[in-house]
Amino acid sequence: MQTIALHHILLKSPLLAQDLAKELELGADFAELAREYSACLSSREGGFAGYHQQDDLPIEIINALAIHDDQKPFTGPVSTPLGFHLLKPVGEKPKLAISDHTNDDLAKDLTEDISSESAEKPSIEAIPEEASL
């Protein structure tokens, strides 16, 4: 079982998570943002939440860290039942226990899922005329 050093910023607002992600893209310091905005007690440590066994972390976090693009210093926002996380990958990427998928396959599947969720919804014009409101 793999041990992961978790560095994160936990936020309750998806809008704030997106704003801070933009700040990080522009070069803001992860630890400073964690100290100022994170809802987790790890904010005192600049977002370092300690070492965790891979199986003890939400699968959303494991997947995000596993498919993280090494060109960016962070990943996210990642939604979990606890809120929205901005993650700072440190060390080796988690290894997924999915034998039929590589990390690239998982990234493709997740991208397709997001694309299909945002597919165009039927407009009001698409409601049959016989439907009563």
Protein backbone atom coordinates (compact mmCIF):
# COMPACT_ATOMS: atom_id res chain seq x y z
CA MET A 1 0.00 0.00 0.00
CA GLN A 2 1.35 3.39 -1.01
CA THR A 3 1.79 6.30 1.41
CA ILE A 4 0.92 9.75 0.08
CA ALA A 5 2.07 13.12 1.39
CA LEU A 6 -1.10 15.19 1.13
CA HIS A 7 -0.78 18.91 0.48
CA HIS A 8 -4.16 20.53 -0.12
CA ILE A 9 -6.34 23.57 0.20
CA LEU A 10 -9.87 22.63 1.28
CA LEU A 11 -12.59 25.03 0.25
CA LYS A 12 -16.35 24.98 0.71
CA SER A 13 -17.12 27.15 -2.33
CA PRO A 14 -16.55 25.95 -5.91
CA LEU A 15 -16.22 29.57 -7.04
CA LEU A 16 -13.48 30.29 -4.52
CA ALA A 17 -11.75 27.06 -5.56
CA GLN A 18 -11.77 28.20 -9.19
CA ASP A 19 -10.48 31.67 -8.24
CA LEU A 20 -7.61 30.21 -6.21
CA ALA A 21 -6.78 27.79 -9.03
CA LYS A 22 -6.37 30.82 -11.30
CA GLU A 23 -4.16 32.49 -8.69
CA LEU A 24 -1.97 29.35 -8.57
CA GLU A 25 -1.74 29.34 -12.37
CA LEU A 26 -0.46 32.91 -12.16
CA GLY A 27 2.26 31.84 -9.72
CA ALA A 28 0.74 32.40 -6.28
CA ASP A 29 2.37 30.52 -3.40
CA PHE A 30 0.41 27.36 -2.52
CA ALA A 31 1.32 27.46 1.18
CA GLU A 32 0.30 31.11 1.55
CA LEU A 33 -3.08 30.47 -0.09
CA ALA A 34 -3.58 27.42 2.14
CA ARG A 35 -2.84 29.47 5.27
CA GLU A 36 -5.27 32.18 4.24
CA TYR A 37 -8.18 30.24 2.71
CA SER A 38 -8.15 26.53 3.62
CA ALA A 39 -10.98 25.21 5.81
CA CYS A 40 -8.73 22.35 6.96
CA LEU A 41 -6.59 22.42 10.10
CA SER A 42 -3.65 21.74 7.77
CA SER A 43 -3.85 25.43 6.82
CA ARG A 44 -1.53 26.10 9.77
CA GLU A 45 1.08 23.95 8.02
CA GLY A 46 0.67 25.61 4.63
CA GLY A 47 -1.66 22.87 3.46
CA PHE A 48 0.46 19.87 4.49
CA ALA A 49 -2.07 17.41 5.91
CA GLY A 50 0.42 14.65 6.71
CA TYR A 51 1.11 11.22 5.29
CA HIS A 52 -1.84 8.99 4.47
CA GLN A 53 -2.29 5.48 3.20
CA GLN A 54 -3.72 5.61 -0.31
CA ASP A 55 -6.76 3.56 0.76
CA ASP A 56 -7.63 6.12 3.46
CA LEU A 57 -8.07 9.01 1.02
CA PRO A 58 -11.17 9.76 -1.09
CA ILE A 59 -10.94 8.08 -4.50
CA GLU A 60 -11.44 11.48 -6.18
CA ILE A 61 -8.19 12.72 -4.65
CA ILE A 62 -6.29 9.55 -5.61
CA ASN A 63 -7.55 9.74 -9.20
CA ALA A 64 -6.66 13.43 -9.50
CA LEU A 65 -3.14 12.87 -8.18
CA ALA A 66 -2.66 9.79 -10.39
CA ILE A 67 -3.55 11.60 -13.62
CA HIS A 68 -1.95 14.93 -12.68
CA ASP A 69 -0.12 16.69 -15.51
CA ASP A 70 3.41 17.26 -14.26
CA GLN A 71 3.54 20.56 -16.16
CA LYS A 72 1.35 22.24 -13.50
CA PRO A 73 2.39 22.66 -9.86
CA PHE A 74 -1.13 21.79 -8.63
CA THR A 75 -4.29 19.96 -9.64
CA GLY A 76 -7.93 20.71 -9.02
CA PRO A 77 -10.37 21.80 -7.98
CA VAL A 78 -11.35 18.25 -7.02
CA SER A 79 -14.81 17.76 -5.55
CA THR A 80 -15.25 15.33 -2.63
CA PRO A 81 -17.93 15.04 0.07
CA LEU A 82 -15.68 17.25 2.23
CA GLY A 83 -15.59 20.14 -0.25
CA PHE A 84 -13.34 21.30 -3.07
CA HIS A 85 -9.63 20.57 -2.96
CA LEU A 86 -6.67 22.13 -4.68
CA LEU A 87 -3.87 19.56 -4.49
CA LYS A 88 -0.13 20.00 -4.63
CA PRO A 89 1.39 16.72 -5.83
CA VAL A 90 4.57 15.78 -3.97
CA GLY A 91 6.53 12.63 -4.61
CA GLU A 92 5.48 9.60 -6.59
CA LYS A 93 2.04 9.49 -8.22
CA PRO A 94 -0.45 7.07 -6.68
CA LYS A 95 -0.76 3.77 -8.45
CA LEU A 96 -4.31 2.90 -9.33
CA ALA A 97 -5.63 -0.55 -8.54
CA ILE A 98 -7.58 -0.69 -11.80
CA SER A 99 -6.01 -3.47 -13.81
CA ASP A 100 -7.87 -2.76 -17.06
CA HIS A 101 -6.92 0.93 -17.21
CA THR A 102 -3.71 2.86 -17.34
CA ASN A 103 -3.57 6.36 -15.85
CA ASP A 104 -3.91 7.77 -19.40
CA ASP A 105 -7.03 5.65 -19.96
CA LEU A 106 -8.50 6.92 -16.70
CA ALA A 107 -7.78 10.54 -17.66
CA LYS A 108 -9.54 9.97 -21.00
CA ASP A 109 -12.53 8.33 -19.27
CA LEU A 110 -12.84 11.15 -16.74
CA THR A 111 -12.63 13.76 -19.50
CA GLU A 112 -15.33 11.96 -21.48
CA ASP A 113 -17.55 11.75 -18.37
CA ILE A 114 -17.21 15.50 -17.79
CA SER A 115 -17.92 16.21 -21.47
CA SER A 116 -21.03 14.05 -21.49
CA GLU A 117 -22.31 15.70 -18.30
CA SER A 118 -22.02 19.12 -19.89
CA ALA A 119 -23.67 17.99 -23.14
CA GLU A 120 -26.44 20.25 -24.33
CA LYS A 121 -29.66 19.82 -22.39
CA PRO A 122 -32.96 19.83 -24.29
CA SER A 123 -34.34 23.32 -24.74
CA ILE A 124 -37.90 24.34 -24.00
CA GLU A 125 -38.59 24.22 -27.74
CA ALA A 126 -37.93 20.47 -27.60
CA ILE A 127 -40.95 19.87 -25.31
CA PRO A 128 -43.79 18.27 -27.28
CA GLU A 129 -46.75 20.55 -27.94
CA GLU A 130 -49.13 18.15 -26.21
CA ALA A 131 -47.24 18.50 -22.95
CA SER A 132 -49.09 20.61 -20.43
CA LEU A 133 -47.32 22.93 -18.05
